[in-house]
Amino acid sequence: MKYKRLTKEQFEALHQEFSNFLATQSIDKAEWDSIKADKPEVAEQELDVFSDLIWEGVLTSAQYLEHFSKNHIFLFHCQEKLIQSIVLKAVESEVNFMEKEGLQWLSDNLFTDTVEIHLGKKEYEAERNAAIFDLIKQGAILSDGQLYLQINGIIQS
Protein backbone atom coordinates (compact mmCIF):
# COMPACT_ATOMS: atom_id res chain seq x y z
CA MET A 1 0.00 0.00 0.00
CA LYS A 2 1.40 3.38 -0.99
CA TYR A 3 -0.54 5.60 1.43
CA LYS A 4 -3.00 4.42 4.08
CA ARG A 5 -6.37 2.81 4.09
CA LEU A 6 -9.35 5.10 4.24
CA THR A 7 -11.34 5.09 7.46
CA LYS A 8 -14.73 3.40 7.73
CA GLU A 9 -16.35 6.86 7.65
CA GLN A 10 -14.43 7.79 4.50
CA PHE A 11 -15.47 4.56 2.80
CA GLU A 12 -19.08 5.26 3.74
CA ALA A 13 -18.86 8.77 2.31
CA LEU A 14 -17.34 7.33 -0.89
CA HIS A 15 -19.80 4.43 -1.14
CA GLN A 16 -20.87 5.27 -4.70
CA GLU A 17 -17.28 5.73 -5.88
CA PHE A 18 -16.32 2.39 -4.33
CA SER A 19 -19.27 0.71 -6.07
CA ASN A 20 -18.11 2.21 -9.37
CA PHE A 21 -14.56 1.03 -8.66
CA LEU A 22 -15.79 -2.53 -8.10
CA ALA A 23 -17.96 -2.30 -11.23
CA THR A 24 -14.90 -1.46 -13.34
CA GLN A 25 -13.58 -4.84 -12.23
CA SER A 26 -16.90 -6.55 -13.03
CA ILE A 27 -17.64 -7.12 -9.34
CA ASP A 28 -21.30 -6.66 -8.41
CA LYS A 29 -22.78 -6.52 -4.89
CA ALA A 30 -23.39 -10.27 -4.68
CA GLU A 31 -19.85 -11.06 -5.78
CA TRP A 32 -18.41 -8.45 -3.36
CA ASP A 33 -20.35 -10.01 -0.48
CA SER A 34 -18.99 -13.41 -1.52
CA ILE A 35 -15.41 -12.11 -1.71
CA LYS A 36 -15.71 -10.54 1.76
CA ALA A 37 -17.00 -13.82 3.20
CA ASP A 38 -14.81 -16.33 1.34
CA LYS A 39 -11.64 -14.42 0.48
CA PRO A 40 -11.15 -11.68 3.07
CA GLU A 41 -7.54 -11.14 1.98
CA VAL A 42 -8.75 -10.28 -1.55
CA ALA A 43 -11.34 -7.90 -0.08
CA GLU A 44 -8.56 -6.25 1.96
CA GLN A 45 -6.48 -5.81 -1.20
CA GLU A 46 -9.40 -4.18 -3.01
CA LEU A 47 -9.92 -1.76 -0.11
CA ASP A 48 -6.21 -0.88 -0.18
CA VAL A 49 -6.14 -0.34 -3.96
CA PHE A 50 -9.22 1.88 -3.78
CA SER A 51 -7.74 3.85 -0.87
CA ASP A 52 -4.53 4.48 -2.81
CA LEU A 53 -6.53 5.63 -5.85
CA ILE A 54 -8.47 8.12 -3.73
CA TRP A 55 -5.34 9.39 -1.98
CA GLU A 56 -3.52 9.74 -5.30
CA GLY A 57 -6.32 11.92 -6.69
CA VAL A 58 -6.53 14.07 -3.55
CA LEU A 59 -2.76 14.57 -3.33
CA THR A 60 -2.36 15.30 -7.03
CA SER A 61 -4.88 18.15 -6.78
CA ALA A 62 -3.56 19.47 -3.42
CA GLN A 63 -2.16 22.98 -3.64
CA TYR A 64 -2.17 24.30 -0.08
CA LEU A 65 -1.68 22.79 3.37
CA GLU A 66 -1.86 24.28 6.86
CA HIS A 67 -0.59 22.99 10.16
CA PHE A 68 -1.47 24.82 13.37
CA SER A 69 0.20 24.17 16.71
CA LYS A 70 0.18 26.19 19.92
CA ASN A 71 2.92 28.66 18.95
CA HIS A 72 3.44 27.96 15.24
CA ILE A 73 1.49 28.13 12.02
CA PHE A 74 2.96 26.33 9.02
CA LEU A 75 1.53 27.32 5.64
CA PHE A 76 2.53 25.39 2.53
CA HIS A 77 2.05 26.04 -1.17
CA CYS A 78 2.57 22.74 -3.01
CA GLN A 79 3.75 23.45 -6.51
CA GLU A 80 4.77 20.98 -9.20
CA LYS A 81 8.51 20.82 -8.46
CA LEU A 82 8.83 22.52 -5.07
CA ILE A 83 7.01 23.43 -1.92
CA GLN A 84 7.02 26.95 -0.52
CA SER A 85 6.45 27.59 3.16
CA ILE A 86 5.58 30.42 5.49
CA VAL A 87 6.18 29.70 9.16
CA LEU A 88 4.74 32.05 11.77
CA LYS A 89 6.03 31.70 15.31
CA ALA A 90 4.71 33.47 18.39
CA VAL A 91 7.66 34.46 20.56
CA GLU A 92 5.33 34.86 23.56
CA SER A 93 4.70 31.36 24.93
CA GLU A 94 1.22 32.14 26.26
CA VAL A 95 -0.14 32.71 22.74
CA ASN A 96 -2.13 29.77 21.42
CA PHE A 97 -2.84 29.67 17.69
CA MET A 98 -5.22 26.75 18.28
CA GLU A 99 -7.72 29.21 19.80
CA LYS A 100 -9.62 32.09 18.22
CA GLU A 101 -7.91 34.59 20.56
CA GLY A 102 -4.51 33.41 19.32
CA LEU A 103 -5.43 34.18 15.74
CA GLN A 104 -6.72 37.61 16.74
CA TRP A 105 -3.45 38.18 18.60
CA LEU A 106 -1.58 37.24 15.40
CA SER A 107 -3.61 39.71 13.39
CA ASP A 108 -2.81 42.47 15.89
CA ASN A 109 0.90 41.61 16.23
CA LEU A 110 1.94 40.25 12.83
CA PHE A 111 4.54 42.95 12.20
CA THR A 112 5.91 43.27 15.70
CA ASP A 113 8.96 41.57 17.14
CA THR A 114 6.66 39.13 18.98
CA VAL A 115 6.06 37.23 15.72
CA GLU A 116 8.84 35.57 13.76
CA ILE A 117 8.17 34.95 10.07
CA HIS A 118 10.27 32.47 8.13
CA LEU A 119 9.94 31.92 4.39
CA GLY A 120 11.27 28.85 2.69
CA LYS A 121 11.14 26.75 -0.40
CA LYS A 122 12.39 23.29 -1.07
CA GLU A 123 12.39 20.93 -4.01
CA TYR A 124 10.69 17.65 -3.28
CA GLU A 125 13.21 15.02 -2.18
CA ALA A 126 10.81 12.23 -3.02
CA GLU A 127 7.84 12.08 -5.32
CA ARG A 128 5.54 15.12 -4.87
CA ASN A 129 2.49 13.25 -3.62
CA ALA A 130 4.54 11.20 -1.15
CA ALA A 131 6.04 14.42 0.26
CA ILE A 132 2.59 15.98 0.67
CA PHE A 133 1.28 12.80 2.28
CA ASP A 134 4.17 12.93 4.78
CA LEU A 135 3.10 16.45 5.79
CA ILE A 136 -0.47 15.24 6.24
CA LYS A 137 0.74 12.36 8.42
CA GLN A 138 2.51 14.97 10.57
CA GLY A 139 -0.75 16.85 11.10
CA ALA A 140 -1.12 19.20 8.13
CA ILE A 141 -4.55 19.56 6.57
CA LEU A 142 -5.60 20.47 3.05
CA SER A 143 -6.68 24.08 2.71
CA ASP A 144 -8.02 26.50 0.14
CA GLY A 145 -4.84 28.57 0.51
CA GLN A 146 -6.64 31.71 1.66
CA LEU A 147 -4.43 32.22 4.73
CA TYR A 148 -1.24 31.46 2.78
CA LEU A 149 -2.21 33.91 0.07
CA GLN A 150 -3.18 36.64 2.58
CA ILE A 151 0.05 36.34 4.57
CA ASN A 152 2.16 36.06 1.42
CA GLY A 153 0.45 39.12 -0.07
CA ILE A 154 1.14 41.15 3.08
CA ILE A 155 4.77 40.05 3.20
CA GLN A 156 5.36 40.82 -0.50
CA SER A 157 3.88 44.32 -0.31
C-alpha atoms as a PDB file:
ATOM      1  CA  MET A   1       0.000   0.000   0.000  1.00  0.00           C
ATOM      2  CA  LYS A   2       1.405   3.381  -0.985  1.00  0.00           C
ATOM      3  CA  TYR A   3      -0.539   5.598   1.430  1.00  0.00           C
ATOM      4  CA  LYS A   4      -2.997   4.416   4.080  1.00  0.00           C
ATOM      5  CA  ARG A   5      -6.370   2.806   4.089  1.00  0.00           C
ATOM      6  CA  LEU A   6      -9.351   5.104   4.243  1.00  0.00           C
ATOM      7  CA  THR A   7     -11.341   5.089   7.460  1.00  0.00           C
ATOM      8  CA  LYS A   8     -14.733   3.398   7.726  1.00  0.00           C
ATOM      9  CA  GLU A   9     -16.346   6.860   7.649  1.00  0.00           C
ATOM     10  CA  GLN A  10     -14.434   7.794   4.504  1.00  0.00           C
ATOM     11  CA  PHE A  11     -15.470   4.561   2.798  1.00  0.00           C
ATOM     12  CA  GLU A  12     -19.083   5.258   3.743  1.00  0.00           C
ATOM     13  CA  ALA A  13     -18.856   8.767   2.310  1.00  0.00           C
ATOM     14  CA  LEU A  14     -17.341   7.329  -0.889  1.00  0.00           C
ATOM     15  CA  HIS A  15     -19.795   4.428  -1.139  1.00  0.00           C
ATOM     16  CA  GLN A  16     -20.873   5.273  -4.702  1.00  0.00           C
ATOM     17  CA  GLU A  17     -17.279   5.735  -5.883  1.00  0.00           C
ATOM     18  CA  PHE A  18     -16.324   2.387  -4.334  1.00  0.00           C
ATOM     19  CA  SER A  19     -19.268   0.708  -6.065  1.00  0.00           C
ATOM     20  CA  ASN A  20     -18.109   2.212  -9.369  1.00  0.00           C
ATOM     21  CA  PHE A  21     -14.560   1.030  -8.657  1.00  0.00           C
ATOM     22  CA  LEU A  22     -15.787  -2.527  -8.100  1.00  0.00           C
ATOM     23  CA  ALA A  23     -17.964  -2.303 -11.229  1.00  0.00           C
ATOM     24  CA  THR A  24     -14.899  -1.460 -13.342  1.00  0.00           C
ATOM     25  CA  GLN A  25     -13.577  -4.842 -12.235  1.00  0.00           C
ATOM     26  CA  SER A  26     -16.900  -6.551 -13.032  1.00  0.00           C
ATOM     27  CA  ILE A  27     -17.642  -7.118  -9.337  1.00  0.00           C
ATOM     28  CA  ASP A  28     -21.302  -6.658  -8.408  1.00  0.00           C
ATOM     29  CA  LYS A  29     -22.785  -6.518  -4.892  1.00  0.00           C
ATOM     30  CA  ALA A  30     -23.388 -10.273  -4.677  1.00  0.00           C
ATOM     31  CA  GLU A  31     -19.845 -11.065  -5.776  1.00  0.00           C
ATOM     32  CA  TRP A  32     -18.414  -8.450  -3.362  1.00  0.00           C
ATOM     33  CA  ASP A  33     -20.347 -10.011  -0.482  1.00  0.00           C
ATOM     34  CA  SER A  34     -18.994 -13.409  -1.523  1.00  0.00           C
ATOM     35  CA  ILE A  35     -15.411 -12.108  -1.705  1.00  0.00           C
ATOM     36  CA  LYS A  36     -15.711 -10.535   1.760  1.00  0.00           C
ATOM     37  CA  ALA A  37     -16.997 -13.824   3.196  1.00  0.00           C
ATOM     38  CA  ASP A  38     -14.807 -16.330   1.339  1.00  0.00           C
ATOM     39  CA  LYS A  39     -11.642 -14.425   0.479  1.00  0.00           C
ATOM     40  CA  PRO A  40     -11.150 -11.680   3.074  1.00  0.00           C
ATOM     41  CA  GLU A  41      -7.539 -11.143   1.980  1.00  0.00           C
ATOM     42  CA  VAL A  42      -8.749 -10.282  -1.549  1.00  0.00           C
ATOM     43  CA  ALA A  43     -11.336  -7.900  -0.078  1.00  0.00           C
ATOM     44  CA  GLU A  44      -8.562  -6.246   1.962  1.00  0.00           C
ATOM     45  CA  GLN A  45      -6.479  -5.811  -1.200  1.00  0.00           C
ATOM     46  CA  GLU A  46      -9.402  -4.183  -3.007  1.00  0.00           C
ATOM     47  CA  LEU A  47      -9.921  -1.760  -0.111  1.00  0.00           C
ATOM     48  CA  ASP A  48      -6.215  -0.881  -0.185  1.00  0.00           C
ATOM     49  CA  VAL A  49      -6.136  -0.341  -3.962  1.00  0.00           C
ATOM     50  CA  PHE A  50      -9.221   1.881  -3.783  1.00  0.00           C
ATOM     51  CA  SER A  51      -7.737   3.849  -0.868  1.00  0.00           C
ATOM     52  CA  ASP A  52      -4.532   4.477  -2.805  1.00  0.00           C
ATOM     53  CA  LEU A  53      -6.534   5.628  -5.846  1.00  0.00           C
ATOM     54  CA  ILE A  54      -8.475   8.118  -3.735  1.00  0.00           C
ATOM     55  CA  TRP A  55      -5.337   9.388  -1.976  1.00  0.00           C
ATOM     56  CA  GLU A  56      -3.515   9.742  -5.302  1.00  0.00           C
ATOM     57  CA  GLY A  57      -6.324  11.919  -6.685  1.00  0.00           C
ATOM     58  CA  VAL A  58      -6.528  14.073  -3.554  1.00  0.00           C
ATOM     59  CA  LEU A  59      -2.760  14.569  -3.328  1.00  0.00           C
ATOM     60  CA  THR A  60      -2.362  15.301  -7.030  1.00  0.00           C
ATOM     61  CA  SER A  61      -4.879  18.148  -6.778  1.00  0.00           C
ATOM     62  CA  ALA A  62      -3.562  19.470  -3.425  1.00  0.00           C
ATOM     63  CA  GLN A  63      -2.156  22.985  -3.640  1.00  0.00           C
ATOM     64  CA  TYR A  64      -2.171  24.298  -0.077  1.00  0.00           C
ATOM     65  CA  LEU A  65      -1.684  22.793   3.373  1.00  0.00           C
ATOM     66  CA  GLU A  66      -1.861  24.282   6.859  1.00  0.00           C
ATOM     67  CA  HIS A  67      -0.595  22.993  10.162  1.00  0.00           C
ATOM     68  CA  PHE A  68      -1.467  24.816  13.368  1.00  0.00           C
ATOM     69  CA  SER A  69       0.197  24.167  16.711  1.00  0.00           C
ATOM     70  CA  LYS A  70       0.184  26.187  19.917  1.00  0.00           C
ATOM     71  CA  ASN A  71       2.923  28.656  18.950  1.00  0.00           C
ATOM     72  CA  HIS A  72       3.439  27.955  15.240  1.00  0.00           C
ATOM     73  CA  ILE A  73       1.491  28.132  12.017  1.00  0.00           C
ATOM     74  CA  PHE A  74       2.964  26.333   9.020  1.00  0.00           C
ATOM     75  CA  LEU A  75       1.531  27.324   5.638  1.00  0.00           C
ATOM     76  CA  PHE A  76       2.528  25.389   2.527  1.00  0.00           C
ATOM     77  CA  HIS A  77       2.049  26.037  -1.173  1.00  0.00           C
ATOM     78  CA  CYS A  78       2.574  22.738  -3.007  1.00  0.00           C
ATOM     79  CA  GLN A  79       3.746  23.449  -6.514  1.00  0.00           C
ATOM     80  CA  GLU A  80       4.773  20.984  -9.204  1.00  0.00           C
ATOM     81  CA  LYS A  81       8.514  20.823  -8.457  1.00  0.00           C
ATOM     82  CA  LEU A  82       8.834  22.519  -5.073  1.00  0.00           C
ATOM     83  CA  ILE A  83       7.013  23.435  -1.925  1.00  0.00           C
ATOM     84  CA  GLN A  84       7.020  26.949  -0.515  1.00  0.00           C
ATOM     85  CA  SER A  85       6.448  27.587   3.162  1.00  0.00           C
ATOM     86  CA  ILE A  86       5.578  30.419   5.486  1.00  0.00           C
ATOM     87  CA  VAL A  87       6.180  29.702   9.161  1.00  0.00           C
ATOM     88  CA  LEU A  88       4.742  32.047  11.772  1.00  0.00           C
ATOM     89  CA  LYS A  89       6.033  31.703  15.313  1.00  0.00           C
ATOM     90  CA  ALA A  90       4.713  33.469  18.391  1.00  0.00           C
ATOM     91  CA  VAL A  91       7.656  34.464  20.564  1.00  0.00           C
ATOM     92  CA  GLU A  92       5.335  34.856  23.557  1.00  0.00           C
ATOM     93  CA  SER A  93       4.703  31.362  24.927  1.00  0.00           C
ATOM     94  CA  GLU A  94       1.223  32.136  26.262  1.00  0.00           C
ATOM     95  CA  VAL A  95      -0.139  32.714  22.740  1.00  0.00           C
ATOM     96  CA  ASN A  96      -2.126  29.765  21.423  1.00  0.00           C
ATOM     97  CA  PHE A  97      -2.844  29.669  17.689  1.00  0.00           C
ATOM     98  CA  MET A  98      -5.223  26.752  18.278  1.00  0.00           C
ATOM     99  CA  GLU A  99      -7.721  29.209  19.800  1.00  0.00           C
ATOM    100  CA  LYS A 100      -9.623  32.087  18.218  1.00  0.00           C
ATOM    101  CA  GLU A 101      -7.909  34.591  20.561  1.00  0.00           C
ATOM    102  CA  GLY A 102      -4.511  33.415  19.322  1.00  0.00           C
ATOM    103  CA  LEU A 103      -5.433  34.178  15.739  1.00  0.00           C
ATOM    104  CA  GLN A 104      -6.724  37.608  16.743  1.00  0.00           C
ATOM    105  CA  TRP A 105      -3.445  38.181  18.599  1.00  0.00           C
ATOM    106  CA  LEU A 106      -1.578  37.235  15.405  1.00  0.00           C
ATOM    107  CA  SER A 107      -3.610  39.715  13.390  1.00  0.00           C
ATOM    108  CA  ASP A 108      -2.814  42.474  15.894  1.00  0.00           C
ATOM    109  CA  ASN A 109       0.896  41.612  16.226  1.00  0.00           C
ATOM    110  CA  LEU A 110       1.936  40.254  12.829  1.00  0.00           C
ATOM    111  CA  PHE A 111       4.536  42.951  12.195  1.00  0.00           C
ATOM    112  CA  THR A 112       5.907  43.269  15.703  1.00  0.00           C
ATOM    113  CA  ASP A 113       8.964  41.572  17.143  1.00  0.00           C
ATOM    114  CA  THR A 114       6.663  39.130  18.984  1.00  0.00           C
ATOM    115  CA  VAL A 115       6.063  37.233  15.722  1.00  0.00           C
ATOM    116  CA  GLU A 116       8.837  35.568  13.762  1.00  0.00           C
ATOM    117  CA  ILE A 117       8.174  34.955  10.074  1.00  0.00           C
ATOM    118  CA  HIS A 118      10.267  32.475   8.128  1.00  0.00           C
ATOM    119  CA  LEU A 119       9.941  31.920   4.394  1.00  0.00           C
ATOM    120  CA  GLY A 120      11.268  28.849   2.688  1.00  0.00           C
ATOM    121  CA  LYS A 121      11.143  26.752  -0.401  1.00  0.00           C
ATOM    122  CA  LYS A 122      12.393  23.289  -1.073  1.00  0.00           C
ATOM    123  CA  GLU A 123      12.392  20.932  -4.010  1.00  0.00           C
ATOM    124  CA  TYR A 124      10.687  17.648  -3.283  1.00  0.00           C
ATOM    125  CA  GLU A 125      13.211  15.025  -2.185  1.00  0.00           C
ATOM    126  CA  ALA A 126      10.814  12.225  -3.020  1.00  0.00           C
ATOM    127  CA  GLU A 127       7.840  12.075  -5.324  1.00  0.00           C
ATOM    128  CA  ARG A 128       5.538  15.120  -4.872  1.00  0.00           C
ATOM    129  CA  ASN A 129       2.488  13.249  -3.618  1.00  0.00           C
ATOM    130  CA  ALA A 130       4.535  11.202  -1.149  1.00  0.00           C
ATOM    131  CA  ALA A 131       6.043  14.416   0.263  1.00  0.00           C
ATOM    132  CA  ILE A 132       2.586  15.980   0.666  1.00  0.00           C
ATOM    133  CA  PHE A 133       1.278  12.796   2.282  1.00  0.00           C
ATOM    134  CA  ASP A 134       4.174  12.929   4.783  1.00  0.00           C
ATOM    135  CA  LEU A 135       3.098  16.448   5.793  1.00  0.00           C
ATOM    136  CA  ILE A 136      -0.474  15.236   6.241  1.00  0.00           C
ATOM    137  CA  LYS A 137       0.743  12.356   8.417  1.00  0.00           C
ATOM    138  CA  GLN A 138       2.513  14.972  10.574  1.00  0.00           C
ATOM    139  CA  GLY A 139      -0.753  16.851  11.101  1.00  0.00           C
ATOM    140  CA  ALA A 140      -1.117  19.196   8.126  1.00  0.00           C
ATOM    141  CA  ILE A 141      -4.545  19.560   6.572  1.00  0.00           C
ATOM    142  CA  LEU A 142      -5.602  20.472   3.050  1.00  0.00           C
ATOM    143  CA  SER A 143      -6.679  24.080   2.712  1.00  0.00           C
ATOM    144  CA  ASP A 144      -8.025  26.502   0.142  1.00  0.00           C
ATOM    145  CA  GLY A 145      -4.844  28.574   0.505  1.00  0.00           C
ATOM    146  CA  GLN A 146      -6.642  31.705   1.663  1.00  0.00           C
ATOM    147  CA  LEU A 147      -4.429  32.219   4.728  1.00  0.00           C
ATOM    148  CA  TYR A 148      -1.239  31.464   2.784  1.00  0.00           C
ATOM    149  CA  LEU A 149      -2.211  33.915   0.067  1.00  0.00           C
ATOM    150  CA  GLN A 150      -3.181  36.639   2.576  1.00  0.00           C
ATOM    151  CA  ILE A 151       0.052  36.345   4.570  1.00  0.00           C
ATOM    152  CA  ASN A 152       2.160  36.063   1.417  1.00  0.00           C
ATOM    153  CA  GLY A 153       0.449  39.124  -0.070  1.00  0.00           C
ATOM    154  CA  ILE A 154       1.138  41.150   3.082  1.00  0.00           C
ATOM    155  CA  ILE A 155       4.770  40.050   3.203  1.00  0.00           C
ATOM    156  CA  GLN A 156       5.358  40.816  -0.501  1.00  0.00           C
ATOM    157  CA  SER A 157       3.879  44.324  -0.306  1.00  0.00           C
END
